[in-house]
Amino acid sequence: MKTKPNNKHRGADLRDFLAEENILPEVEALAMKKAIALQLQRIVDEESISKTQLAKRMKTSRAALDRILDASTPSLTIGTLAKAAAALGRRVSFEILPA
């Protein structure tokens, strides 16, 4: 009878695995950026605002707005996010939670 090799990750959750691989902060940051980009895009779609209109409201370029709405681009400053939210008549709220 063959026995299965021990898997050190069996029973661990994904966060544990990502922490062991030293990539948890990067993965969480990308997940947050994706969630923000999707939420902004949903508001833009619901309110039928074109990207050009939103870029003008933000006083930025369409290319810069595309980077904000691109879920795969992890970088986004709090200032840029606040500017996008204000241009959509929204505000941003953050919360720091225990790890």
PDB file of N, CA and C in Angstrom:
ATOM      1  N   MET A   1       0.838  -1.175   0.000  1.00  0.00           N
ATOM      2  CA  MET A   1       0.000   0.000   0.000  1.00  0.00           C
ATOM      3  C   MET A   1       0.890   1.247   0.000  1.00  0.00           C
ATOM      4  N   LYS A   2       0.616   2.146  -0.939  1.00  0.00           N
ATOM      5  CA  LYS A   2       1.389   3.382  -1.033  1.00  0.00           C
ATOM      6  C   LYS A   2       0.823   4.422  -0.079  1.00  0.00           C
ATOM      7  N   THR A   3       1.703   5.165   0.521  1.00  0.00           N
ATOM      8  CA  THR A   3       1.251   6.268   1.370  1.00  0.00           C
ATOM      9  C   THR A   3       1.533   7.566   0.632  1.00  0.00           C
ATOM     10  N   LYS A   4       0.655   8.517   0.864  1.00  0.00           N
ATOM     11  CA  LYS A   4       0.825   9.822   0.226  1.00  0.00           C
ATOM     12  C   LYS A   4       1.906  10.600   0.962  1.00  0.00           C
ATOM     13  N   PRO A   5       2.719  11.347   0.213  1.00  0.00           N
ATOM     14  CA  PRO A   5       3.735  12.164   0.877  1.00  0.00           C
ATOM     15  C   PRO A   5       3.064  13.243   1.725  1.00  0.00           C
ATOM     16  N   ASN A   6       3.702  13.573   2.818  1.00  0.00           N
ATOM     17  CA  ASN A   6       3.159  14.628   3.679  1.00  0.00           C
ATOM     18  C   ASN A   6       3.209  15.961   2.948  1.00  0.00           C
ATOM     19  N   ASN A   7       2.129  16.672   3.006  1.00  0.00           N
ATOM     20  CA  ASN A   7       2.038  17.996   2.397  1.00  0.00           C
ATOM     21  C   ASN A   7       2.013  19.000   3.531  1.00  0.00           C
ATOM     22  N   LYS A   8       3.056  19.818   3.612  1.00  0.00           N
ATOM     23  CA  LYS A   8       3.128  20.762   4.724  1.00  0.00           C
ATOM     24  C   LYS A   8       2.008  21.797   4.683  1.00  0.00           C
ATOM     25  N   HIS A   9       1.332  21.963   3.539  1.00  0.00           N
ATOM     26  CA  HIS A   9       0.265  22.953   3.419  1.00  0.00           C
ATOM     27  C   HIS A   9      -1.122  22.352   3.628  1.00  0.00           C
ATOM     28  N   ARG A  10      -1.219  21.047   3.739  1.00  0.00           N
ATOM     29  CA  ARG A  10      -2.516  20.403   3.927  1.00  0.00           C
ATOM     30  C   ARG A  10      -3.119  20.880   5.244  1.00  0.00           C
ATOM     31  N   GLY A  11      -4.322  21.362   5.183  1.00  0.00           N
ATOM     32  CA  GLY A  11      -5.000  21.846   6.372  1.00  0.00           C
ATOM     33  C   GLY A  11      -4.778  23.328   6.650  1.00  0.00           C
ATOM     34  N   ALA A  12      -3.808  23.930   6.009  1.00  0.00           N
ATOM     35  CA  ALA A  12      -3.556  25.355   6.207  1.00  0.00           C
ATOM     36  C   ALA A  12      -4.488  26.157   5.307  1.00  0.00           C
ATOM     37  N   ASP A  13      -4.773  27.369   5.700  1.00  0.00           N
ATOM     38  CA  ASP A  13      -5.599  28.186   4.821  1.00  0.00           C
ATOM     39  C   ASP A  13      -4.698  28.976   3.860  1.00  0.00           C
ATOM     40  N   LEU A  14      -5.333  29.620   2.918  1.00  0.00           N
ATOM     41  CA  LEU A  14      -4.594  30.332   1.879  1.00  0.00           C
ATOM     42  C   LEU A  14      -3.731  31.444   2.466  1.00  0.00           C
ATOM     43  N   ARG A  15      -4.256  32.156   3.441  1.00  0.00           N
ATOM     44  CA  ARG A  15      -3.469  33.235   4.063  1.00  0.00           C
ATOM     45  C   ARG A  15      -2.182  32.688   4.681  1.00  0.00           C
ATOM     46  N   ASP A  16      -2.281  31.531   5.335  1.00  0.00           N
ATOM     47  CA  ASP A  16      -1.088  30.915   5.922  1.00  0.00           C
ATOM     48  C   ASP A  16      -0.063  30.586   4.841  1.00  0.00           C
ATOM     49  N   PHE A  17      -0.552  30.002   3.761  1.00  0.00           N
ATOM     50  CA  PHE A  17       0.341  29.637   2.657  1.00  0.00           C
ATOM     51  C   PHE A  17       1.019  30.872   2.069  1.00  0.00           C
ATOM     52  N   LEU A  18       0.233  31.925   1.807  1.00  0.00           N
ATOM     53  CA  LEU A  18       0.794  33.147   1.228  1.00  0.00           C
ATOM     54  C   LEU A  18       1.801  33.794   2.178  1.00  0.00           C
ATOM     55  N   ALA A  19       1.527  33.740   3.470  1.00  0.00           N
ATOM     56  CA  ALA A  19       2.468  34.282   4.455  1.00  0.00           C
ATOM     57  C   ALA A  19       3.768  33.480   4.452  1.00  0.00           C
ATOM     58  N   GLU A  20       3.661  32.154   4.379  1.00  0.00           N
ATOM     59  CA  GLU A  20       4.859  31.320   4.324  1.00  0.00           C
ATOM     60  C   GLU A  20       5.693  31.616   3.088  1.00  0.00           C
ATOM     61  N   GLU A  21       5.027  31.940   1.999  1.00  0.00           N
ATOM     62  CA  GLU A  21       5.719  32.259   0.751  1.00  0.00           C
ATOM     63  C   GLU A  21       6.181  33.718   0.706  1.00  0.00           C
ATOM     64  N   ASN A  22       5.911  34.466   1.760  1.00  0.00           N
ATOM     65  CA  ASN A  22       6.285  35.882   1.863  1.00  0.00           C
ATOM     66  C   ASN A  22       5.670  36.751   0.776  1.00  0.00           C
ATOM     67  N   ILE A  23       4.436  36.438   0.383  1.00  0.00           N
ATOM     68  CA  ILE A  23       3.763  37.241  -0.640  1.00  0.00           C
ATOM     69  C   ILE A  23       2.387  37.720  -0.188  1.00  0.00           C
ATOM     70  N   LEU A  24       2.038  37.501   1.064  1.00  0.00           N
ATOM     71  CA  LEU A  24       0.715  37.891   1.553  1.00  0.00           C
ATOM     72  C   LEU A  24       0.422  39.381   1.369  1.00  0.00           C
ATOM     73  N   PRO A  25       1.312  40.300   1.766  1.00  0.00           N
ATOM     74  CA  PRO A  25       0.986  41.722   1.601  1.00  0.00           C
ATOM     75  C   PRO A  25       0.735  42.118   0.140  1.00  0.00           C
ATOM     76  N   GLU A  26       1.533  41.582  -0.774  1.00  0.00           N
ATOM     77  CA  GLU A  26       1.367  41.920  -2.194  1.00  0.00           C
ATOM     78  C   GLU A  26       0.049  41.383  -2.739  1.00  0.00           C
ATOM     79  N   VAL A  27      -0.300  40.161  -2.348  1.00  0.00           N
ATOM     80  CA  VAL A  27      -1.548  39.549  -2.824  1.00  0.00           C
ATOM     81  C   VAL A  27      -2.745  40.304  -2.261  1.00  0.00           C
ATOM     82  N   GLU A  28      -2.678  40.677  -0.981  1.00  0.00           N
ATOM     83  CA  GLU A  28      -3.782  41.435  -0.388  1.00  0.00           C
ATOM     84  C   GLU A  28      -3.924  42.805  -1.042  1.00  0.00           C
ATOM     85  N   ALA A  29      -2.807  43.454  -1.331  1.00  0.00           N
ATOM     86  CA  ALA A  29      -2.855  44.770  -1.979  1.00  0.00           C
ATOM     87  C   ALA A  29      -3.488  44.663  -3.366  1.00  0.00           C
ATOM     88  N   LEU A  30      -3.107  43.638  -4.119  1.00  0.00           N
ATOM     89  CA  LEU A  30      -3.684  43.464  -5.447  1.00  0.00           C
ATOM     90  C   LEU A  30      -5.175  43.151  -5.355  1.00  0.00           C
ATOM     91  N   ALA A  31      -5.570  42.356  -4.381  1.00  0.00           N
ATOM     92  CA  ALA A  31      -6.992  42.036  -4.204  1.00  0.00           C
ATOM     93  C   ALA A  31      -7.792  43.292  -3.857  1.00  0.00           C
ATOM     94  N   MET A  32      -7.226  44.141  -2.996  1.00  0.00           N
ATOM     95  CA  MET A  32      -7.911  45.400  -2.662  1.00  0.00           C
ATOM     96  C   MET A  32      -8.033  46.293  -3.886  1.00  0.00           C
ATOM     97  N   LYS A  33      -6.965  46.378  -4.678  1.00  0.00           N
ATOM     98  CA  LYS A  33      -7.003  47.219  -5.880  1.00  0.00           C
ATOM     99  C   LYS A  33      -8.051  46.708  -6.843  1.00  0.00           C
ATOM    100  N   LYS A  34      -8.138  45.389  -7.000  1.00  0.00           N
ATOM    101  CA  LYS A  34      -9.145  44.821  -7.893  1.00  0.00           C
ATOM    102  C   LYS A  34     -10.542  45.153  -7.399  1.00  0.00           C
ATOM    103  N   ALA A  35     -10.774  45.046  -6.116  1.00  0.00           N
ATOM    104  CA  ALA A  35     -12.091  45.354  -5.555  1.00  0.00           C
ATOM    105  C   ALA A  35     -12.445  46.822  -5.768  1.00  0.00           C
ATOM    106  N   ILE A  36     -11.476  47.711  -5.565  1.00  0.00           N
ATOM    107  CA  ILE A  36     -11.713  49.145  -5.761  1.00  0.00           C
ATOM    108  C   ILE A  36     -11.999  49.441  -7.231  1.00  0.00           C
ATOM    109  N   ALA A  37     -11.191  48.880  -8.122  1.00  0.00           N
ATOM    110  CA  ALA A  37     -11.386  49.110  -9.558  1.00  0.00           C
ATOM    111  C   ALA A  37     -12.761  48.621 -10.000  1.00  0.00           C
ATOM    112  N   LEU A  38     -13.172  47.467  -9.515  1.00  0.00           N
ATOM    113  CA  LEU A  38     -14.496  46.934  -9.870  1.00  0.00           C
ATOM    114  C   LEU A  38     -15.613  47.813  -9.326  1.00  0.00           C
ATOM    115  N   GLN A  39     -15.450  48.303  -8.114  1.00  0.00           N
ATOM    116  CA  GLN A  39     -16.465  49.175  -7.530  1.00  0.00           C
ATOM    117  C   GLN A  39     -16.564  50.489  -8.301  1.00  0.00           C
ATOM    118  N   LEU A  40     -15.429  51.083  -8.643  1.00  0.00           N
ATOM    119  CA  LEU A  40     -15.451  52.317  -9.434  1.00  0.00           C
ATOM    120  C   LEU A  40     -16.098  52.083 -10.794  1.00  0.00           C
ATOM    121  N   GLN A  41     -15.741  50.975 -11.440  1.00  0.00           N
ATOM    122  CA  GLN A  41     -16.311  50.675 -12.754  1.00  0.00           C
ATOM    123  C   GLN A  41     -17.820  50.462 -12.660  1.00  0.00           C
ATOM    124  N   ARG A  42     -18.285  49.820 -11.593  1.00  0.00           N
ATOM    125  CA  ARG A  42     -19.718  49.593 -11.402  1.00  0.00           C
ATOM    126  C   ARG A  42     -20.452  50.930 -11.284  1.00  0.00           C
ATOM    127  N   ILE A  43     -19.890  51.869 -10.520  1.00  0.00           N
ATOM    128  CA  ILE A  43     -20.510  53.191 -10.365  1.00  0.00           C
ATOM    129  C   ILE A  43     -20.541  53.920 -11.697  1.00  0.00           C
ATOM    130  N   VAL A  44     -19.433  53.871 -12.430  1.00  0.00           N
ATOM    131  CA  VAL A  44     -19.352  54.518 -13.747  1.00  0.00           C
ATOM    132  C   VAL A  44     -20.429  53.946 -14.675  1.00  0.00           C
ATOM    133  N   ASP A  45     -20.568  52.629 -14.675  1.00  0.00           N
ATOM    134  CA  ASP A  45     -21.568  51.987 -15.532  1.00  0.00           C
ATOM    135  C   ASP A  45     -22.990  52.330 -15.102  1.00  0.00           C
ATOM    136  N   GLU A  46     -23.263  52.278 -13.801  1.00  0.00           N
ATOM    137  CA  GLU A  46     -24.607  52.565 -13.290  1.00  0.00           C
ATOM    138  C   GLU A  46     -25.032  53.992 -13.598  1.00  0.00           C
ATOM    139  N   GLU A  47     -24.098  54.920 -13.535  1.00  0.00           N
ATOM    140  CA  GLU A  47     -24.421  56.322 -13.751  1.00  0.00           C
ATOM    141  C   GLU A  47     -24.188  56.770 -15.192  1.00  0.00           C
ATOM    142  N   SER A  48     -23.853  55.825 -16.043  1.00  0.00           N
ATOM    143  CA  SER A  48     -23.626  56.095 -17.479  1.00  0.00           C
ATOM    144  C   SER A  48     -22.664  57.256 -17.701  1.00  0.00           C
ATOM    145  N   ILE A  49     -21.564  57.231 -16.984  1.00  0.00           N
ATOM    146  CA  ILE A  49     -20.528  58.253 -17.132  1.00  0.00           C
ATOM    147  C   ILE A  49     -19.444  57.683 -18.034  1.00  0.00           C
ATOM    148  N   SER A  50     -19.071  58.438 -19.048  1.00  0.00           N
ATOM    149  CA  SER A  50     -18.006  57.961 -19.930  1.00  0.00           C
ATOM    150  C   SER A  50     -16.659  58.153 -19.235  1.00  0.00           C
ATOM    151  N   LYS A  51     -15.678  57.398 -19.680  1.00  0.00           N
ATOM    152  CA  LYS A  51     -14.338  57.548 -19.115  1.00  0.00           C
ATOM    153  C   LYS A  51     -13.791  58.940 -19.388  1.00  0.00           C
ATOM    154  N   THR A  52     -14.118  59.480 -20.532  1.00  0.00           N
ATOM    155  CA  THR A  52     -13.668  60.832 -20.873  1.00  0.00           C
ATOM    156  C   THR A  52     -14.264  61.851 -19.912  1.00  0.00           C
ATOM    157  N   GLN A  53     -15.575  61.705 -19.616  1.00  0.00           N
ATOM    158  CA  GLN A  53     -16.216  62.619 -18.668  1.00  0.00           C
ATOM    159  C   GLN A  53     -15.590  62.507 -17.284  1.00  0.00           C
ATOM    160  N   LEU A  54     -15.364  61.290 -16.830  1.00  0.00           N
ATOM    161  CA  LEU A  54     -14.778  61.096 -15.506  1.00  0.00           C
ATOM    162  C   LEU A  54     -13.361  61.649 -15.453  1.00  0.00           C
ATOM    163  N   ALA A  55     -12.586  61.425 -16.489  1.00  0.00           N
ATOM    164  CA  ALA A  55     -11.225  61.962 -16.531  1.00  0.00           C
ATOM    165  C   ALA A  55     -11.243  63.489 -16.440  1.00  0.00           C
ATOM    166  N   LYS A  56     -12.190  64.126 -17.137  1.00  0.00           N
ATOM    167  CA  LYS A  56     -12.305  65.588 -17.074  1.00  0.00           C
ATOM    168  C   LYS A  56     -12.676  66.037 -15.673  1.00  0.00           C
ATOM    169  N   ARG A  57     -13.619  65.334 -15.043  1.00  0.00           N
ATOM    170  CA  ARG A  57     -14.010  65.684 -13.670  1.00  0.00           C
ATOM    171  C   ARG A  57     -12.830  65.571 -12.717  1.00  0.00           C
ATOM    172  N   MET A  58     -11.973  64.590 -12.961  1.00  0.00           N
ATOM    173  CA  MET A  58     -10.809  64.365 -12.100  1.00  0.00           C
ATOM    174  C   MET A  58      -9.632  65.256 -12.471  1.00  0.00           C
ATOM    175  N   LYS A  59      -9.746  65.952 -13.587  1.00  0.00           N
ATOM    176  CA  LYS A  59      -8.653  66.778 -14.118  1.00  0.00           C
ATOM    177  C   LYS A  59      -7.413  65.924 -14.354  1.00  0.00           C
ATOM    178  N   THR A  60      -7.633  64.806 -15.032  1.00  0.00           N
ATOM    179  CA  THR A  60      -6.548  63.890 -15.369  1.00  0.00           C
ATOM    180  C   THR A  60      -6.750  63.389 -16.790  1.00  0.00           C
ATOM    181  N   SER A  61      -5.841  62.581 -17.254  1.00  0.00           N
ATOM    182  CA  SER A  61      -5.939  62.053 -18.615  1.00  0.00           C
ATOM    183  C   SER A  61      -6.753  60.765 -18.633  1.00  0.00           C
ATOM    184  N   ARG A  62      -7.242  60.427 -19.792  1.00  0.00           N
ATOM    185  CA  ARG A  62      -7.977  59.170 -19.961  1.00  0.00           C
ATOM    186  C   ARG A  62      -7.050  57.982 -19.684  1.00  0.00           C
ATOM    187  N   ALA A  63      -5.780  58.089 -20.078  1.00  0.00           N
ATOM    188  CA  ALA A  63      -4.816  57.007 -19.834  1.00  0.00           C
ATOM    189  C   ALA A  63      -4.621  56.791 -18.333  1.00  0.00           C
ATOM    190  N   ALA A  64      -4.541  57.891 -17.569  1.00  0.00           N
ATOM    191  CA  ALA A  64      -4.391  57.770 -16.112  1.00  0.00           C
ATOM    192  C   ALA A  64      -5.631  57.123 -15.510  1.00  0.00           C
ATOM    193  N   LEU A  65      -6.805  57.480 -16.005  1.00  0.00           N
ATOM    194  CA  LEU A  65      -8.045  56.872 -15.520  1.00  0.00           C
ATOM    195  C   LEU A  65      -8.084  55.382 -15.850  1.00  0.00           C
ATOM    196  N   ASP A  66      -7.622  55.026 -17.038  1.00  0.00           N
ATOM    197  CA  ASP A  66      -7.578  53.603 -17.402  1.00  0.00           C
ATOM    198  C   ASP A  66      -6.701  52.814 -16.432  1.00  0.00           C
ATOM    199  N   ARG A  67      -5.603  53.396 -15.973  1.00  0.00           N
ATOM    200  CA  ARG A  67      -4.742  52.722 -14.998  1.00  0.00           C
ATOM    201  C   ARG A  67      -5.457  52.552 -13.658  1.00  0.00           C
ATOM    202  N   ILE A  68      -6.250  53.547 -13.270  1.00  0.00           N
ATOM    203  CA  ILE A  68      -7.016  53.453 -12.024  1.00  0.00           C
ATOM    204  C   ILE A  68      -8.039  52.329 -12.117  1.00  0.00           C
ATOM    205  N   LEU A  69      -8.706  52.214 -13.259  1.00  0.00           N
ATOM    206  CA  LEU A  69      -9.757  51.217 -13.444  1.00  0.00           C
ATOM    207  C   LEU A  69      -9.224  49.843 -13.831  1.00  0.00           C
ATOM    208  N   ASP A  70      -7.921  49.753 -14.102  1.00  0.00           N
ATOM    209  CA  ASP A  70      -7.310  48.473 -14.462  1.00  0.00           C
ATOM    210  C   ASP A  70      -7.059  47.661 -13.197  1.00  0.00           C
ATOM    211  N   ALA A  71      -7.840  46.597 -13.029  1.00  0.00           N
ATOM    212  CA  ALA A  71      -7.752  45.784 -11.812  1.00  0.00           C
ATOM    213  C   ALA A  71      -6.407  45.079 -11.673  1.00  0.00           C
ATOM    214  N   SER A  72      -5.669  44.925 -12.751  1.00  0.00           N
ATOM    215  CA  SER A  72      -4.392  44.212 -12.681  1.00  0.00           C
ATOM    216  C   SER A  72      -3.211  45.121 -12.351  1.00  0.00           C
ATOM    217  N   THR A  73      -3.447  46.430 -12.309  1.00  0.00           N
ATOM    218  CA  THR A  73      -2.390  47.371 -11.952  1.00  0.00           C
ATOM    219  C   THR A  73      -2.511  47.678 -10.464  1.00  0.00           C
ATOM    220  N   PRO A  74      -1.536  47.227  -9.653  1.00  0.00           N
ATOM    221  CA  PRO A  74      -1.701  47.337  -8.207  1.00  0.00           C
ATOM    222  C   PRO A  74      -1.535  48.730  -7.621  1.00  0.00           C
ATOM    223  N   SER A  75      -0.825  49.612  -8.297  1.00  0.00           N
ATOM    224  CA  SER A  75      -0.543  50.908  -7.677  1.00  0.00           C
ATOM    225  C   SER A  75      -1.741  51.851  -7.774  1.00  0.00           C
ATOM    226  N   LEU A  76      -2.041  52.470  -6.654  1.00  0.00           N
ATOM    227  CA  LEU A  76      -3.112  53.452  -6.573  1.00  0.00           C
ATOM    228  C   LEU A  76      -2.877  54.245  -5.298  1.00  0.00           C
ATOM    229  N   THR A  77      -2.763  55.558  -5.411  1.00  0.00           N
ATOM    230  CA  THR A  77      -2.539  56.359  -4.213  1.00  0.00           C
ATOM    231  C   THR A  77      -3.875  56.709  -3.573  1.00  0.00           C
ATOM    232  N   ILE A  78      -3.817  56.998  -2.300  1.00  0.00           N
ATOM    233  CA  ILE A  78      -5.029  57.397  -1.584  1.00  0.00           C
ATOM    234  C   ILE A  78      -5.574  58.686  -2.180  1.00  0.00           C
ATOM    235  N   GLY A  79      -4.682  59.595  -2.552  1.00  0.00           N
ATOM    236  CA  GLY A  79      -5.111  60.859  -3.154  1.00  0.00           C
ATOM    237  C   GLY A  79      -5.854  60.650  -4.465  1.00  0.00           C
ATOM    238  N   THR A  80      -5.338  59.759  -5.293  1.00  0.00           N
ATOM    239  CA  THR A  80      -5.990  59.475  -6.576  1.00  0.00           C
ATOM    240  C   THR A  80      -7.339  58.814  -6.355  1.00  0.00           C
ATOM    241  N   LEU A  81      -7.394  57.900  -5.411  1.00  0.00           N
ATOM    242  CA  LEU A  81      -8.657  57.238  -5.102  1.00  0.00           C
ATOM    243  C   LEU A  81      -9.682  58.246  -4.587  1.00  0.00           C
ATOM    244  N   ALA A  82      -9.253  59.139  -3.709  1.00  0.00           N
ATOM    245  CA  ALA A  82     -10.156  60.164  -3.182  1.00  0.00           C
ATOM    246  C   ALA A  82     -10.648  61.081  -4.296  1.00  0.00           C
ATOM    247  N   LYS A  83      -9.770  61.401  -5.234  1.00  0.00           N
ATOM    248  CA  LYS A  83     -10.134  62.249  -6.368  1.00  0.00           C
ATOM    249  C   LYS A  83     -11.174  61.558  -7.252  1.00  0.00           C
ATOM    250  N   ALA A  84     -10.985  60.280  -7.500  1.00  0.00           N
ATOM    251  CA  ALA A  84     -11.939  59.522  -8.312  1.00  0.00           C
ATOM    252  C   ALA A  84     -13.283  59.434  -7.608  1.00  0.00           C
ATOM    253  N   ALA A  85     -13.249  59.160  -6.314  1.00  0.00           N
ATOM    254  CA  ALA A  85     -14.502  59.068  -5.551  1.00  0.00           C
ATOM    255  C   ALA A  85     -15.244  60.403  -5.568  1.00  0.00           C
ATOM    256  N   ALA A  86     -14.520  61.493  -5.339  1.00  0.00           N
ATOM    257  CA  ALA A  86     -15.151  62.822  -5.339  1.00  0.00           C
ATOM    258  C   ALA A  86     -15.759  63.144  -6.701  1.00  0.00           C
ATOM    259  N   ALA A  87     -15.075  62.751  -7.767  1.00  0.00           N
ATOM    260  CA  ALA A  87     -15.587  62.995  -9.122  1.00  0.00           C
ATOM    261  C   ALA A  87     -16.874  62.217  -9.381  1.00  0.00           C
ATOM    262  N   LEU A  88     -17.089  61.165  -8.596  1.00  0.00           N
ATOM    263  CA  LEU A  88     -18.311  60.358  -8.719  1.00  0.00           C
ATOM    264  C   LEU A  88     -19.326  60.700  -7.628  1.00  0.00           C
ATOM    265  N   GLY A  89     -19.048  61.768  -6.871  1.00  0.00           N
ATOM    266  CA  GLY A  89     -19.951  62.173  -5.803  1.00  0.00           C
ATOM    267  C   GLY A  89     -19.917  61.226  -4.616  1.00  0.00           C
ATOM    268  N   ARG A  90     -18.772  60.606  -4.400  1.00  0.00           N
ATOM    269  CA  ARG A  90     -18.599  59.648  -3.310  1.00  0.00           C
ATOM    270  C   ARG A  90     -17.436  60.085  -2.427  1.00  0.00           C
ATOM    271  N   ARG A  91     -17.252  59.386  -1.334  1.00  0.00           N
ATOM    272  CA  ARG A  91     -16.093  59.592  -0.478  1.00  0.00           C
ATOM    273  C   ARG A  91     -15.491  58.227  -0.168  1.00  0.00           C
ATOM    274  N   VAL A  92     -14.257  58.224   0.300  1.00  0.00           N
ATOM    275  CA  VAL A  92     -13.538  56.984   0.585  1.00  0.00           C
ATOM    276  C   VAL A  92     -13.460  56.800   2.097  1.00  0.00           C
ATOM    277  N   SER A  93     -13.583  55.561   2.525  1.00  0.00           N
ATOM    278  CA  SER A  93     -13.462  55.235   3.934  1.00  0.00           C
ATOM    279  C   SER A  93     -12.495  54.049   4.069  1.00  0.00           C
ATOM    280  N   PHE A  94     -11.558  54.159   5.022  1.00  0.00           N
ATOM    281  CA  PHE A  94     -10.589  53.078   5.263  1.00  0.00           C
ATOM    282  C   PHE A  94     -10.713  52.621   6.695  1.00  0.00           C
ATOM    283  N   GLU A  95     -10.282  51.401   6.916  1.00  0.00           N
ATOM    284  CA  GLU A  95     -10.262  50.858   8.263  1.00  0.00           C
ATOM    285  C   GLU A  95      -9.034  49.958   8.385  1.00  0.00           C
ATOM    286  N   ILE A  96      -8.275  50.133   9.452  1.00  0.00           N
ATOM    287  CA  ILE A  96      -7.125  49.270   9.694  1.00  0.00           C
ATOM    288  C   ILE A  96      -7.564  48.230  10.720  1.00  0.00           C
ATOM    289  N   LEU A  97      -7.409  46.979  10.343  1.00  0.00           N
ATOM    290  CA  LEU A  97      -7.887  45.860  11.161  1.00  0.00           C
ATOM    291  C   LEU A  97      -6.729  45.058  11.725  1.00  0.00           C
ATOM    292  N   PRO A  98      -6.969  44.331  12.808  1.00  0.00           N
ATOM    293  CA  PRO A  98      -5.922  43.448  13.303  1.00  0.00           C
ATOM    294  C   PRO A  98      -5.589  42.366  12.287  1.00  0.00           C
ATOM    295  N   ALA A  99      -4.358  41.911  12.285  1.00  0.00           N
ATOM    296  CA  ALA A  99      -3.919  40.905  11.295  1.00  0.00           C
ATOM    297  C   ALA A  99      -4.480  39.549  11.580  1.00  0.00           C
TER     298      ALA A  99
END
